[in-house]
Amino acid sequence: MELENDITGETSRFAETISYDALPRTVIDETKRLILDSIGCAIGGVITEKGKIGIRFGENLFQKGETTILGHARNAHPFSSAFANGELMNALDYESLLAPPEHLTPYVMPACMASAEMNNVSGKELILSIAIAHEITTRLSESLVFGKRFSVELPEKGIALALPTPGYGVCLFGGIAGAGRLMGFTAGEIANAMGIGGFCCPTPMLAKFAMTVPVSMTKYLSSGLISQIEMMSLLLTKLGHTGDRGVLNNEYGFFRSFGCESWMPQKVMEGLGKEWRFPARIFYKTYPCCGAMQNVLGLFHQIITENHLYPEHIKEVIVVINPLGELPAWKNPEVRSHVDIQFNTAFLFSLLAHRIEIGPLWQTEEVLRSNGIAEFARKVNVFTHLDKEVEGKPDVTVVTSGDKDQRIFSGRGLSMATEMSEERLIDKFKRNAKGITEESKASESIDVILGLEEQEDISMLMKRLVP
């Protein structure tokens, strides 16, 4: 197939030929911030049950290898580290969001990191591969037209709610492209690997996740599984296995099999290599939970901090979140696992009220068993913007205890507490790494990542990311 005449080939050619020197400074800096944030989230995820299972499964696949499982002492086979690191990056639901498709990084970065270690690449090469992976995924996600097929019905509200994406399988093309670049693949080989991966893409299941209680550890899709498919596709290509090099193309291409009504390939190709879209769309999470609650948690955090309010001072909290809060995964009143915590607004507000350190400690067995946290959560009444009774009301209202001296505090609009400066990103990394790696190693890791372009071999970084 003539690569010049198809979308699969053109995106593959972009991945093969774009140089580090062609990256704008904003792309380099934001990619390093993504690496810092995502690695920190993965190390923090080591304490969760989902993270522990990901590590055990990875180790059971292969007993020996030379690549790193983040926050874990033993090296592993690239298949194993890609799977485990994918699971770890999403374990806390603390990783950045990038719209579309929202959760992107855990589905593309682990394969790039495994490939980087396999091939002893430089810091510049790792930055470039991760930028490639994010840019291609962003553009492909933009190009897909879902229509109403993946909307979820809310009959009591009289609407169908559109979700940000039907599923995260689309991310595998970006992951393959980025990791393939580090393996020295030609455009044809990258397109071949995309063809293998595309035919292994999981069914879009985001709507099923959103409408199911309790939430499982798989959530919207295992990022470990996608990372493993990416590595498999690349290694099979290396051995000569053939895939469909036009997997994205024409009326029977990937978009149709993914359940979309149509796609807009021009969204993929316009300005590719000259205009970088992903950096401006990144949102770094302040709190280890779903993105739907980030802003209201920030408003509540400001209120209780500025007014020195503690659980015993508060009679009631009224919260208004976005319409995702209408879906069963977000309305589930039972909190039985660390994954349940990530989607339970009332429980999250209680963690803030109790001043539990923001980070992995929000998802420990201790907080799950705490009667005090569960008791305060019952004071939190959660509504969405679809509820008429809260129309025009603040996003967060806090009513204090007492009849005579009762006070009411409120917050609305964008919370300053969710703005992520480099200083706050560094603090987030340190909190994630606390108790997993030595404090000195964490500080060294931060310095190396923020100066990653100076590293001749990324093994110097990987050695610092383990206990």
Protein backbone atom coordinates (compact mmCIF):
# COMPACT_ATOMS: atom_id res chain seq x y z
CA MET A 1 0.00 0.00 0.00
CA GLU A 2 1.22 3.50 -0.81
CA LEU A 3 1.77 5.08 2.59
CA GLU A 4 1.48 8.58 1.14
CA ASN A 5 -2.18 8.01 0.28
CA ASP A 6 -3.62 6.85 3.59
CA ILE A 7 -4.18 8.15 7.12
CA THR A 8 -2.51 5.17 8.81
CA GLY A 9 0.56 5.70 6.68
CA GLU A 10 0.72 9.45 7.15
CA THR A 11 0.46 9.26 10.94
CA SER A 12 3.11 6.53 10.89
CA ARG A 13 5.36 8.67 8.70
CA PHE A 14 4.92 11.54 11.17
CA ALA A 15 6.00 9.23 14.01
CA GLU A 16 9.06 8.06 12.06
CA THR A 17 10.28 11.41 10.75
CA ILE A 18 9.46 14.13 13.30
CA SER A 19 12.59 15.21 15.15
CA TYR A 20 13.14 16.38 18.70
CA ASP A 21 14.44 19.69 17.32
CA ALA A 22 11.03 20.24 15.68
CA LEU A 23 9.27 20.22 19.06
CA PRO A 24 8.19 23.64 20.36
CA ARG A 25 9.45 24.46 23.84
CA THR A 26 5.90 24.26 25.21
CA VAL A 27 5.59 20.66 23.97
CA ILE A 28 8.90 19.67 25.58
CA ASP A 29 8.04 21.29 28.91
CA GLU A 30 4.49 19.93 29.06
CA THR A 31 5.66 16.43 28.13
CA LYS A 32 8.16 16.51 31.01
CA ARG A 33 5.38 17.64 33.35
CA LEU A 34 3.23 14.75 32.10
CA ILE A 35 6.06 12.31 32.75
CA LEU A 36 6.61 13.71 36.26
CA ASP A 37 2.92 13.57 37.12
CA SER A 38 2.25 10.14 35.62
CA ILE A 39 5.28 8.45 37.17
CA GLY A 40 4.34 9.91 40.55
CA CYS A 41 0.77 8.62 40.21
CA ALA A 42 2.10 5.18 39.31
CA ILE A 43 4.40 5.05 42.34
CA GLY A 44 1.52 6.15 44.57
CA GLY A 45 -0.66 3.46 43.00
CA VAL A 46 1.60 0.77 44.48
CA ILE A 47 -0.39 0.90 47.74
CA THR A 48 -3.75 0.13 46.08
CA GLU A 49 -5.23 -3.32 45.55
CA LYS A 50 -5.50 -2.66 41.81
CA GLY A 51 -1.83 -1.68 41.71
CA LYS A 52 -0.70 -4.69 43.73
CA ILE A 53 -2.62 -7.06 41.46
CA GLY A 54 -1.11 -5.39 38.40
CA ILE A 55 2.40 -5.95 39.77
CA ARG A 56 1.70 -9.58 40.75
CA PHE A 57 0.17 -10.36 37.36
CA GLY A 58 3.10 -8.75 35.56
CA GLU A 59 5.59 -10.79 37.57
CA ASN A 60 3.63 -13.99 36.93
CA LEU A 61 3.84 -13.46 33.16
CA PHE A 62 7.64 -13.56 33.08
CA GLN A 63 10.10 -14.17 35.88
CA LYS A 64 13.01 -12.28 34.32
CA GLY A 65 13.56 -9.03 32.46
CA GLU A 66 15.41 -5.74 32.41
CA THR A 67 12.66 -3.10 32.50
CA THR A 68 11.28 -1.24 35.50
CA ILE A 69 7.98 -1.59 37.31
CA LEU A 70 7.58 1.83 38.90
CA GLY A 71 7.80 1.84 42.70
CA HIS A 72 8.74 -1.86 42.72
CA ALA A 73 12.11 -3.39 43.53
CA ARG A 74 12.38 -6.14 40.90
CA ASN A 75 12.94 -5.69 37.16
CA ALA A 76 10.58 -7.34 34.70
CA HIS A 77 10.05 -8.33 31.07
CA PRO A 78 8.76 -5.44 28.87
CA PHE A 79 5.35 -7.16 28.60
CA SER A 80 5.20 -7.28 32.38
CA SER A 81 6.36 -3.72 33.08
CA ALA A 82 4.06 -2.27 30.39
CA PHE A 83 1.07 -4.03 31.95
CA ALA A 84 1.96 -3.23 35.57
CA ASN A 85 2.83 0.41 34.88
CA GLY A 86 -0.38 0.88 32.92
CA GLU A 87 -2.39 -0.40 35.86
CA LEU A 88 -0.38 1.63 38.35
CA MET A 89 -0.78 4.93 36.49
CA ASN A 90 -4.56 4.61 36.65
CA ALA A 91 -4.85 2.85 40.02
CA LEU A 92 -5.57 6.02 42.05
CA ASP A 93 -7.45 7.82 39.23
CA TYR A 94 -4.98 10.61 39.97
CA GLU A 95 -3.43 10.94 36.52
CA SER A 96 -3.99 13.91 34.24
CA LEU A 97 -6.94 14.28 31.91
CA LEU A 98 -6.57 15.25 28.27
CA ALA A 99 -9.70 15.91 26.24
CA PRO A 100 -10.42 14.11 24.07
CA PRO A 101 -10.51 11.28 25.07
CA GLU A 102 -9.92 12.25 28.79
CA HIS A 103 -7.85 9.40 30.32
CA LEU A 104 -5.05 9.10 27.77
CA THR A 105 -1.62 8.93 29.39
CA PRO A 106 -1.91 5.54 31.19
CA TYR A 107 -2.81 3.98 27.82
CA VAL A 108 0.24 5.28 25.91
CA MET A 109 3.12 6.14 28.25
CA PRO A 110 3.91 2.67 29.72
CA ALA A 111 4.73 1.15 26.31
CA CYS A 112 6.94 4.14 25.48
CA MET A 113 8.80 3.70 28.77
CA ALA A 114 9.25 -0.04 28.28
CA SER A 115 10.52 0.51 24.74
CA ALA A 116 12.84 3.27 25.97
CA GLU A 117 14.46 0.94 28.52
CA MET A 118 14.74 -1.89 26.01
CA ASN A 119 16.63 0.36 23.62
CA ASN A 120 18.67 2.49 26.06
CA VAL A 121 17.45 5.73 24.55
CA SER A 122 18.19 9.30 25.59
CA GLY A 123 15.91 11.64 27.50
CA LYS A 124 15.23 13.60 24.31
CA GLU A 125 14.09 10.44 22.53
CA LEU A 126 11.74 9.53 25.38
CA ILE A 127 10.22 13.03 25.41
CA LEU A 128 9.70 12.86 21.64
CA SER A 129 8.04 9.42 21.75
CA ILE A 130 5.61 10.44 24.49
CA ALA A 131 4.75 13.65 22.65
CA ILE A 132 4.09 11.62 19.47
CA ALA A 133 1.85 9.20 21.36
CA HIS A 134 -0.24 11.97 22.93
CA GLU A 135 -0.56 14.02 19.75
CA ILE A 136 -1.69 11.12 17.56
CA THR A 137 -4.19 9.91 20.16
CA THR A 138 -5.61 13.41 20.63
CA ARG A 139 -6.09 13.86 16.90
CA LEU A 140 -7.62 10.42 16.34
CA SER A 141 -10.01 10.97 19.25
CA GLU A 142 -11.08 14.32 17.80
CA SER A 143 -11.79 12.73 14.44
CA LEU A 144 -14.32 10.12 15.64
CA VAL A 145 -18.04 10.96 15.37
CA PHE A 146 -19.98 8.93 17.91
CA GLY A 147 -23.52 10.20 17.39
CA LYS A 148 -26.12 8.98 19.89
CA ARG A 149 -25.12 5.34 19.91
CA PHE A 150 -23.03 5.62 23.05
CA SER A 151 -25.18 8.11 24.95
CA VAL A 152 -26.76 6.93 28.21
CA GLU A 153 -30.44 7.50 28.82
CA LEU A 154 -31.64 9.45 31.86
CA PRO A 155 -35.42 9.05 31.51
CA GLU A 156 -36.18 10.78 34.84
CA LYS A 157 -34.38 13.87 33.50
CA GLY A 158 -35.70 13.48 29.97
CA ILE A 159 -32.27 13.54 28.33
CA ALA A 160 -29.56 11.30 26.90
CA LEU A 161 -26.13 12.10 28.30
CA ALA A 162 -23.15 12.01 25.92
CA LEU A 163 -19.94 10.54 27.32
CA PRO A 164 -16.46 11.88 26.43
CA THR A 165 -15.57 8.74 24.45
CA PRO A 166 -17.16 5.31 23.95
CA GLY A 167 -13.93 3.63 25.03
CA TYR A 168 -10.17 4.00 25.34
CA GLY A 169 -9.05 1.43 22.79
CA VAL A 170 -8.36 4.25 20.33
CA CYS A 171 -5.32 5.17 22.45
CA LEU A 172 -3.38 2.12 21.29
CA PHE A 173 -2.51 3.72 17.94
CA GLY A 174 -0.68 6.57 19.67
CA GLY A 175 1.08 4.18 22.05
CA ILE A 176 2.25 2.01 19.17
CA ALA A 177 3.49 5.03 17.23
CA GLY A 178 5.43 6.48 20.17
CA ALA A 179 6.98 3.19 21.29
CA GLY A 180 7.64 2.17 17.68
CA ARG A 181 9.66 5.32 17.16
CA LEU A 182 11.98 4.22 19.99
CA MET A 183 12.42 0.81 18.37
CA GLY A 184 13.70 2.48 15.21
CA PHE A 185 10.69 1.37 13.15
CA THR A 186 10.06 2.71 9.68
CA ALA A 187 6.68 4.25 8.84
CA GLY A 188 5.70 0.97 7.19
CA GLU A 189 6.57 -1.02 10.29
CA ILE A 190 4.65 1.37 12.55
CA ALA A 191 1.63 1.14 10.24
CA ASN A 192 1.94 -2.66 10.33
CA ALA A 193 1.98 -2.66 14.14
CA MET A 194 -1.05 -0.34 14.16
CA GLY A 195 -2.80 -2.89 11.94
CA ILE A 196 -2.11 -5.68 14.42
CA GLY A 197 -3.15 -3.56 17.41
CA GLY A 198 -6.30 -2.22 15.74
CA PHE A 199 -7.58 -5.75 15.19
CA CYS A 200 -6.97 -6.49 18.90
CA CYS A 201 -8.77 -3.36 20.12
CA PRO A 202 -11.23 -4.05 22.97
CA THR A 203 -14.95 -3.31 22.63
CA PRO A 204 -15.91 0.24 23.73
CA MET A 205 -17.36 -0.22 27.23
CA LEU A 206 -17.44 3.22 28.84
CA ALA A 207 -21.24 3.38 28.91
CA LYS A 208 -21.45 -0.04 30.59
CA PHE A 209 -18.92 1.09 33.18
CA ALA A 210 -20.89 4.29 33.89
CA MET A 211 -24.17 2.41 34.35
CA THR A 212 -22.83 -0.40 36.57
CA VAL A 213 -22.55 -0.66 40.36
CA PRO A 214 -20.23 -1.47 42.01
CA VAL A 215 -17.38 -0.06 39.94
CA SER A 216 -14.81 -2.73 39.14
CA MET A 217 -11.04 -2.37 39.08
CA THR A 218 -11.18 -2.53 35.29
CA LYS A 219 -13.20 0.72 35.35
CA TYR A 220 -13.54 2.04 31.77
CA LEU A 221 -10.76 -0.22 30.37
CA SER A 222 -7.58 -1.76 31.71
CA SER A 223 -4.69 0.52 30.75
CA GLY A 224 -2.35 -2.40 31.45
CA LEU A 225 -4.10 -4.48 28.80
CA ILE A 226 -3.83 -1.72 26.17
CA SER A 227 -0.14 -1.19 27.00
CA GLN A 228 0.45 -4.90 26.54
CA ILE A 229 -1.36 -4.94 23.17
CA GLU A 230 0.91 -2.10 22.06
CA MET A 231 4.05 -4.03 23.01
CA MET A 232 2.74 -7.24 21.45
CA SER A 233 1.93 -5.46 18.17
CA LEU A 234 5.42 -3.97 17.98
CA LEU A 235 7.27 -7.17 18.86
CA LEU A 236 5.19 -9.23 16.43
CA THR A 237 6.01 -6.72 13.71
CA LYS A 238 9.68 -7.09 14.55
CA LEU A 239 9.34 -10.84 13.99
CA GLY A 240 7.67 -10.37 10.62
CA HIS A 241 3.99 -10.80 11.54
CA THR A 242 1.83 -8.83 9.11
CA GLY A 243 -1.00 -6.48 10.04
CA ASP A 244 -3.43 -4.31 8.10
CA ARG A 245 -1.38 -1.24 7.19
CA GLY A 246 -4.56 0.64 6.31
CA VAL A 247 -6.43 -0.15 9.53
CA LEU A 248 -7.65 3.44 9.94
CA ASN A 249 -8.66 3.93 6.33
CA ASN A 250 -11.86 4.10 4.24
CA GLU A 251 -15.50 3.31 5.02
CA TYR A 252 -14.64 -0.04 6.62
CA GLY A 253 -11.79 1.29 8.72
CA PHE A 254 -11.32 1.41 12.47
CA PHE A 255 -13.95 4.10 13.14
CA ARG A 256 -16.73 1.82 11.91
CA SER A 257 -15.61 -1.19 13.95
CA PHE A 258 -15.30 1.10 16.98
CA GLY A 259 -19.00 1.87 16.70
CA CYS A 260 -18.75 5.41 15.36
CA GLU A 261 -21.22 6.89 12.89
CA SER A 262 -18.40 8.39 10.85
CA TRP A 263 -15.03 10.06 11.19
CA MET A 264 -13.31 13.21 10.04
CA PRO A 265 -9.81 12.26 8.86
CA GLN A 266 -8.98 15.91 8.23
CA LYS A 267 -8.97 16.36 12.02
CA VAL A 268 -6.02 13.97 12.13
CA MET A 269 -4.01 15.45 9.30
CA GLU A 270 -4.47 19.22 9.50
CA GLY A 271 -1.21 20.77 10.71
CA LEU A 272 0.26 17.43 11.81
CA GLY A 273 3.88 18.04 12.76
CA LYS A 274 3.46 21.83 12.80
CA GLU A 275 0.58 22.37 15.22
CA TRP A 276 0.64 20.49 18.52
CA ARG A 277 -2.78 20.17 20.14
CA PHE A 278 -2.31 18.05 23.24
CA PRO A 279 -0.37 20.42 25.56
CA ALA A 280 -3.16 23.00 25.83
CA ARG A 281 -5.71 20.31 26.72
CA ILE A 282 -4.02 18.79 29.75
CA PHE A 283 -5.69 19.06 33.15
CA TYR A 284 -3.62 17.90 36.13
CA LYS A 285 -5.64 16.52 39.01
CA THR A 286 -5.25 17.96 42.48
CA TYR A 287 -7.23 15.15 44.12
CA PRO A 288 -7.00 11.37 43.59
CA CYS A 289 -10.46 10.80 42.15
CA CYS A 290 -12.66 11.28 39.11
CA GLY A 291 -12.29 14.56 37.24
CA ALA A 292 -15.98 15.41 37.69
CA MET A 293 -15.36 16.30 41.34
CA GLN A 294 -12.05 18.16 41.06
CA ASN A 295 -13.46 21.69 40.98
CA VAL A 296 -16.05 21.29 43.74
CA LEU A 297 -13.45 19.64 45.95
CA GLY A 298 -11.24 22.66 45.32
CA LEU A 299 -14.03 25.04 46.32
CA PHE A 300 -14.76 23.06 49.49
CA HIS A 301 -11.04 22.90 50.29
CA GLN A 302 -10.81 26.70 50.09
CA ILE A 303 -13.88 27.20 52.29
CA ILE A 304 -12.82 24.90 55.11
CA THR A 305 -9.19 26.10 55.04
CA GLU A 306 -9.90 29.82 54.99
CA ASN A 307 -12.58 29.52 57.72
CA HIS A 308 -10.85 26.87 59.85
CA LEU A 309 -13.81 24.49 59.62
CA TYR A 310 -13.52 20.90 60.84
CA PRO A 311 -16.04 18.04 60.74
CA GLU A 312 -17.53 18.92 64.12
CA HIS A 313 -18.24 22.48 62.93
CA ILE A 314 -20.23 21.42 59.87
CA LYS A 315 -23.92 20.55 59.88
CA GLU A 316 -24.51 20.11 56.15
CA VAL A 317 -22.77 20.38 52.78
CA ILE A 318 -24.62 20.86 49.50
CA VAL A 319 -22.68 20.06 46.35
CA VAL A 320 -23.65 20.56 42.71
CA ILE A 321 -21.51 18.62 40.22
CA ASN A 322 -21.68 18.04 36.48
CA PRO A 323 -24.25 15.62 35.00
CA LEU A 324 -21.93 12.61 35.29
CA GLY A 325 -23.14 12.58 38.88
CA GLU A 326 -26.49 11.29 37.62
CA LEU A 327 -24.97 7.98 36.51
CA PRO A 328 -24.95 4.88 38.74
CA ALA A 329 -21.15 4.67 39.03
CA TRP A 330 -21.21 8.12 40.66
CA LYS A 331 -24.43 7.69 42.65
CA ASN A 332 -23.45 4.44 44.35
CA PRO A 333 -23.80 5.06 48.12
CA GLU A 334 -21.70 2.03 49.09
CA VAL A 335 -17.95 2.51 49.57
CA ARG A 336 -16.31 -0.88 49.83
CA SER A 337 -13.10 -0.52 47.83
CA HIS A 338 -10.53 2.09 46.91
CA VAL A 339 -12.11 2.27 43.44
CA ASP A 340 -15.50 3.15 44.98
CA ILE A 341 -13.84 6.08 46.75
CA GLN A 342 -12.74 7.56 43.42
CA PHE A 343 -16.36 8.13 42.33
CA ASN A 344 -18.13 8.89 45.63
CA THR A 345 -18.44 12.66 46.06
CA ALA A 346 -19.67 12.58 49.67
CA PHE A 347 -16.84 10.31 50.83
CA LEU A 348 -14.26 12.50 49.08
CA PHE A 349 -15.61 15.61 50.81
CA SER A 350 -15.30 13.80 54.12
CA LEU A 351 -11.65 13.00 53.44
CA LEU A 352 -10.97 16.69 52.87
CA ALA A 353 -12.93 17.71 55.96
CA HIS A 354 -10.87 15.27 58.06
CA ARG A 355 -7.63 16.71 56.63
CA ILE A 356 -6.43 13.34 55.33
CA GLU A 357 -3.25 14.10 53.38
CA ILE A 358 -4.17 14.47 49.71
CA GLY A 359 -2.73 11.61 47.71
CA PRO A 360 -2.51 7.82 48.12
CA LEU A 361 -3.64 8.02 51.77
CA TRP A 362 -7.14 8.82 50.47
CA GLN A 363 -7.49 5.24 49.27
CA THR A 364 -6.15 3.12 52.11
CA GLU A 365 -7.90 0.41 54.09
CA GLU A 366 -7.79 2.73 57.11
CA VAL A 367 -10.06 5.32 55.51
CA LEU A 368 -12.38 2.61 54.19
CA ARG A 369 -12.85 1.32 57.75
CA SER A 370 -13.17 4.76 59.37
CA ASN A 371 -16.58 5.30 61.00
CA GLY A 372 -15.89 9.02 61.33
CA ILE A 373 -15.32 9.49 57.61
CA ALA A 374 -18.42 7.49 56.73
CA GLU A 375 -20.47 9.46 59.28
CA PHE A 376 -19.47 12.87 57.88
CA ALA A 377 -20.17 11.66 54.33
CA ARG A 378 -23.85 11.38 55.32
CA LYS A 379 -23.90 15.16 55.86
CA VAL A 380 -23.03 15.76 52.19
CA ASN A 381 -25.96 16.13 49.80
CA VAL A 382 -24.99 15.76 46.15
CA PHE A 383 -26.93 17.25 43.24
CA THR A 384 -26.13 17.84 39.60
CA HIS A 385 -26.71 20.75 37.26
CA LEU A 386 -29.73 18.84 35.92
CA ASP A 387 -31.58 19.15 39.25
CA LYS A 388 -34.03 22.07 39.13
CA GLU A 389 -34.05 22.56 42.91
CA VAL A 390 -30.43 23.76 42.85
CA GLU A 391 -30.73 25.91 39.74
CA GLY A 392 -28.78 29.13 40.27
CA LYS A 393 -27.32 27.97 43.58
CA PRO A 394 -23.58 27.89 44.40
CA ASP A 395 -21.53 24.84 43.46
CA VAL A 396 -20.68 24.26 47.13
CA THR A 397 -22.60 25.40 50.20
CA VAL A 398 -21.38 24.69 53.74
CA VAL A 399 -23.76 25.15 56.68
CA THR A 400 -22.18 25.20 60.13
CA SER A 401 -23.60 23.69 63.30
CA GLY A 402 -25.51 25.65 65.93
CA ASP A 403 -28.81 27.54 65.83
CA LYS A 404 -27.81 31.00 67.07
CA ASP A 405 -24.40 31.32 65.47
CA GLN A 406 -25.03 29.22 62.37
CA ARG A 407 -23.09 30.43 59.34
CA ILE A 408 -23.32 29.64 55.65
CA PHE A 409 -20.32 29.65 53.32
CA SER A 410 -20.50 29.14 49.58
CA GLY A 411 -18.26 28.84 46.55
CA ARG A 412 -18.88 28.89 42.83
CA GLY A 413 -16.90 29.11 39.60
CA LEU A 414 -13.38 27.85 39.00
CA SER A 415 -11.39 26.96 42.08
CA MET A 416 -7.86 28.30 42.40
CA ALA A 417 -7.07 25.17 44.41
CA THR A 418 -7.02 23.09 41.22
CA GLU A 419 -4.41 25.19 39.40
CA MET A 420 -1.28 23.07 39.02
CA SER A 421 1.94 25.08 39.10
CA GLU A 422 5.27 23.30 38.77
CA GLU A 423 5.81 23.72 42.51
CA ARG A 424 2.50 21.99 43.26
CA LEU A 425 3.25 19.27 40.72
CA ILE A 426 6.54 18.58 42.51
CA ASP A 427 4.75 18.46 45.87
CA LYS A 428 2.21 16.02 44.40
CA PHE A 429 5.05 13.76 43.19
CA LYS A 430 6.66 13.76 46.64
CA ARG A 431 3.37 12.84 48.34
CA ASN A 432 2.86 10.00 45.87
CA ALA A 433 6.37 8.69 46.42
CA LYS A 434 6.33 9.03 50.23
CA GLY A 435 6.91 5.66 51.89
CA ILE A 436 7.59 3.93 48.56
CA THR A 437 10.93 5.40 47.52
CA GLU A 438 13.52 7.16 49.63
CA GLU A 439 13.04 10.91 49.94
CA SER A 440 16.45 11.55 48.38
CA LYS A 441 15.57 9.33 45.41
CA ALA A 442 12.29 11.17 44.92
CA SER A 443 14.08 14.53 44.88
CA GLU A 444 16.69 13.23 42.45
CA SER A 445 13.95 11.81 40.21
CA ILE A 446 12.23 15.19 40.05
CA ASP A 447 15.47 16.90 39.03
CA VAL A 448 16.22 14.29 36.37
CA ILE A 449 12.71 14.43 34.86
CA LEU A 450 12.60 18.22 34.73
CA GLY A 451 16.00 18.15 33.01
CA LEU A 452 15.28 15.00 31.04
CA GLU A 453 16.54 16.39 27.73
CA GLU A 454 20.05 16.41 29.24
CA GLN A 455 20.05 12.67 29.96
CA GLU A 456 22.08 10.54 27.54
CA ASP A 457 20.49 7.32 28.83
CA ILE A 458 17.16 7.13 30.62
CA SER A 459 18.40 4.22 32.75
CA MET A 460 19.73 6.88 35.13
CA LEU A 461 16.13 7.93 35.73
CA MET A 462 14.64 4.45 36.00
CA LYS A 463 17.09 3.44 38.73
CA ARG A 464 15.70 6.22 40.92
CA LEU A 465 12.05 5.20 40.53
CA VAL A 466 12.24 2.05 42.63
CA PRO A 467 12.54 1.45 46.41
